[in-house]
C-alpha atoms as a PDB file:
ATOM      1  CA  MET A   1      20.337  27.197 -72.505  1.00  0.00           C
ATOM      2  CA  VAL A   2      17.501  28.351 -74.734  1.00  0.00           C
ATOM      3  CA  THR A   3      15.585  31.422 -73.582  1.00  0.00           C
ATOM      4  CA  LEU A   4      11.890  32.229 -73.601  1.00  0.00           C
ATOM      5  CA  LYS A   5      12.506  35.104 -76.020  1.00  0.00           C
ATOM      6  CA  GLU A   6      14.401  32.874 -78.454  1.00  0.00           C
ATOM      7  CA  VAL A   7      11.621  30.273 -78.555  1.00  0.00           C
ATOM      8  CA  ASP A   8       8.896  32.924 -78.711  1.00  0.00           C
ATOM      9  CA  ASP A   9      10.650  34.688 -81.598  1.00  0.00           C
ATOM     10  CA  TYR A  10      11.162  31.398 -83.425  1.00  0.00           C
ATOM     11  CA  LEU A  11       7.527  30.305 -83.049  1.00  0.00           C
ATOM     12  CA  LYS A  12       6.424  33.717 -84.305  1.00  0.00           C
ATOM     13  CA  SER A  13       8.737  33.339 -87.313  1.00  0.00           C
ATOM     14  CA  LEU A  14       7.210  29.940 -88.120  1.00  0.00           C
ATOM     15  CA  ALA A  15       3.730  31.419 -87.879  1.00  0.00           C
ATOM     16  CA  ASN A  16       3.973  33.463 -91.028  1.00  0.00           C
ATOM     17  CA  GLY A  17       0.777  34.010 -92.941  1.00  0.00           C
ATOM     18  CA  LYS A  18      -2.897  34.607 -92.479  1.00  0.00           C
ATOM     19  CA  ASP A  19      -4.613  32.932 -89.508  1.00  0.00           C
ATOM     20  CA  ALA A  20      -1.279  31.870 -88.023  1.00  0.00           C
ATOM     21  CA  PHE A  21       0.434  32.706 -84.763  1.00  0.00           C
ATOM     22  CA  GLY A  22       2.984  31.382 -82.349  1.00  0.00           C
ATOM     23  CA  GLU A  23       3.623  32.125 -78.715  1.00  0.00           C
ATOM     24  CA  ALA A  24       5.885  30.738 -75.997  1.00  0.00           C
ATOM     25  CA  THR A  25       5.353  30.891 -72.240  1.00  0.00           C
ATOM     26  CA  GLN A  26       7.289  29.878 -69.160  1.00  0.00           C
ATOM     27  CA  ASP A  27       6.002  29.421 -65.619  1.00  0.00           C
ATOM     28  CA  GLY A  28       9.304  30.311 -63.981  1.00  0.00           C
ATOM     29  CA  PRO A  29      12.980  30.797 -64.781  1.00  0.00           C
ATOM     30  CA  ASP A  30      13.834  27.143 -64.093  1.00  0.00           C
ATOM     31  CA  SER A  31      10.834  25.596 -65.844  1.00  0.00           C
ATOM     32  CA  ARG A  32      10.592  24.355 -69.397  1.00  0.00           C
ATOM     33  CA  ILE A  33       9.292  26.630 -72.125  1.00  0.00           C
ATOM     34  CA  ASN A  34       5.867  25.729 -73.510  1.00  0.00           C
ATOM     35  CA  GLY A  35       3.849  27.246 -76.291  1.00  0.00           C
ATOM     36  CA  VAL A  36       1.388  27.101 -79.112  1.00  0.00           C
ATOM     37  CA  LEU A  37       1.746  27.223 -82.877  1.00  0.00           C
ATOM     38  CA  VAL A  38      -1.308  27.760 -85.079  1.00  0.00           C
ATOM     39  CA  HIS A  39      -0.865  27.433 -88.821  1.00  0.00           C
ATOM     40  CA  ARG A  40      -3.088  26.599 -91.777  1.00  0.00           C
ATOM     41  CA  ASP A  41      -0.518  24.030 -92.967  1.00  0.00           C
ATOM     42  CA  PHE A  42      -1.624  21.868 -90.012  1.00  0.00           C
ATOM     43  CA  THR A  43      -5.086  21.448 -91.534  1.00  0.00           C
ATOM     44  CA  GLY A  44      -5.667  17.764 -92.257  1.00  0.00           C
ATOM     45  CA  VAL A  45      -2.311  16.718 -90.773  1.00  0.00           C
ATOM     46  CA  TYR A  46      -2.227  14.249 -87.891  1.00  0.00           C
ATOM     47  CA  VAL A  47      -0.987  15.661 -84.595  1.00  0.00           C
ATOM     48  CA  THR A  48       1.916  13.199 -84.517  1.00  0.00           C
ATOM     49  CA  GLU A  49       3.134  14.444 -87.898  1.00  0.00           C
ATOM     50  CA  ARG A  50       2.755  18.094 -86.835  1.00  0.00           C
ATOM     51  CA  GLN A  51       4.829  17.392 -83.746  1.00  0.00           C
ATOM     52  CA  ARG A  52       7.461  15.513 -85.740  1.00  0.00           C
ATOM     53  CA  GLN A  53       7.807  18.428 -88.162  1.00  0.00           C
ATOM     54  CA  LEU A  54       7.940  21.018 -85.382  1.00  0.00           C
ATOM     55  CA  TRP A  55      10.467  19.122 -83.264  1.00  0.00           C
ATOM     56  CA  GLU A  56      12.669  18.535 -86.264  1.00  0.00           C
ATOM     57  CA  ARG A  57      12.813  22.298 -86.736  1.00  0.00           C
ATOM     58  CA  LEU A  58      13.270  23.021 -83.030  1.00  0.00           C
ATOM     59  CA  ARG A  59      16.175  20.569 -82.789  1.00  0.00           C
ATOM     60  CA  GLN A  60      17.696  21.982 -85.955  1.00  0.00           C
ATOM     61  CA  LYS A  61      17.432  25.542 -84.623  1.00  0.00           C
ATOM     62  CA  PHE A  62      18.360  25.009 -80.959  1.00  0.00           C
ATOM     63  CA  GLY A  63      20.262  21.718 -80.963  1.00  0.00           C
ATOM     64  CA  GLN A  64      20.812  20.230 -77.503  1.00  0.00           C
ATOM     65  CA  ASP A  65      19.245  23.339 -75.946  1.00  0.00           C
ATOM     66  CA  SER A  66      15.861  22.178 -77.273  1.00  0.00           C
ATOM     67  CA  ASN A  67      15.777  19.963 -74.160  1.00  0.00           C
ATOM     68  CA  GLY A  68      14.671  23.111 -72.319  1.00  0.00           C
ATOM     69  CA  ILE A  69      11.473  23.179 -74.379  1.00  0.00           C
ATOM     70  CA  GLY A  70       8.406  21.359 -73.094  1.00  0.00           C
ATOM     71  CA  MET A  71       5.089  20.996 -74.885  1.00  0.00           C
ATOM     72  CA  ILE A  72       4.277  23.078 -77.942  1.00  0.00           C
ATOM     73  CA  PHE A  73       0.643  22.618 -78.948  1.00  0.00           C
ATOM     74  CA  THR A  74      -0.006  22.593 -82.695  1.00  0.00           C
ATOM     75  CA  TYR A  75      -3.395  23.542 -84.135  1.00  0.00           C
ATOM     76  CA  SER A  76      -4.951  24.418 -87.435  1.00  0.00           C
ATOM     77  CA  PRO A  77      -6.798  27.767 -87.315  1.00  0.00           C
ATOM     78  CA  TYR A  78     -10.158  25.951 -87.316  1.00  0.00           C
ATOM     79  CA  GLU A  79      -9.152  23.661 -84.437  1.00  0.00           C
ATOM     80  CA  TYR A  80      -7.881  26.577 -82.400  1.00  0.00           C
ATOM     81  CA  GLU A  81     -11.042  28.579 -82.992  1.00  0.00           C
ATOM     82  CA  GLU A  82     -13.255  25.631 -82.074  1.00  0.00           C
ATOM     83  CA  MET A  83     -11.258  24.822 -78.965  1.00  0.00           C
ATOM     84  CA  PHE A  84     -11.125  28.331 -77.560  1.00  0.00           C
ATOM     85  CA  ARG A  85     -14.248  30.023 -78.837  1.00  0.00           C
ATOM     86  CA  GLU A  86     -16.772  31.227 -76.336  1.00  0.00           C
ATOM     87  CA  ASP A  87     -20.252  29.919 -76.966  1.00  0.00           C
ATOM     88  CA  SER A  88     -22.933  32.569 -76.782  1.00  0.00           C
ATOM     89  CA  ALA A  89     -25.467  30.158 -75.251  1.00  0.00           C
END
């Protein structure tokens, strides 16, 4: 079974470079691991292609244990900033 730390460490390793980060979370010990991966390589890439690339890597890294991983959101730095910025209005 894949652990939160393993997924968190792997997302962080994928998030190498400026304006990139990865983080995994888990609601409880029996729940799936979720997360976010922000990377400039996602700029201009359709979400379906981002997910395909990410899941290919997750399955390669964790094999059958990747079934313990839920949703990993994928954003470009611009998308992430726009989605989570606080308007000063």
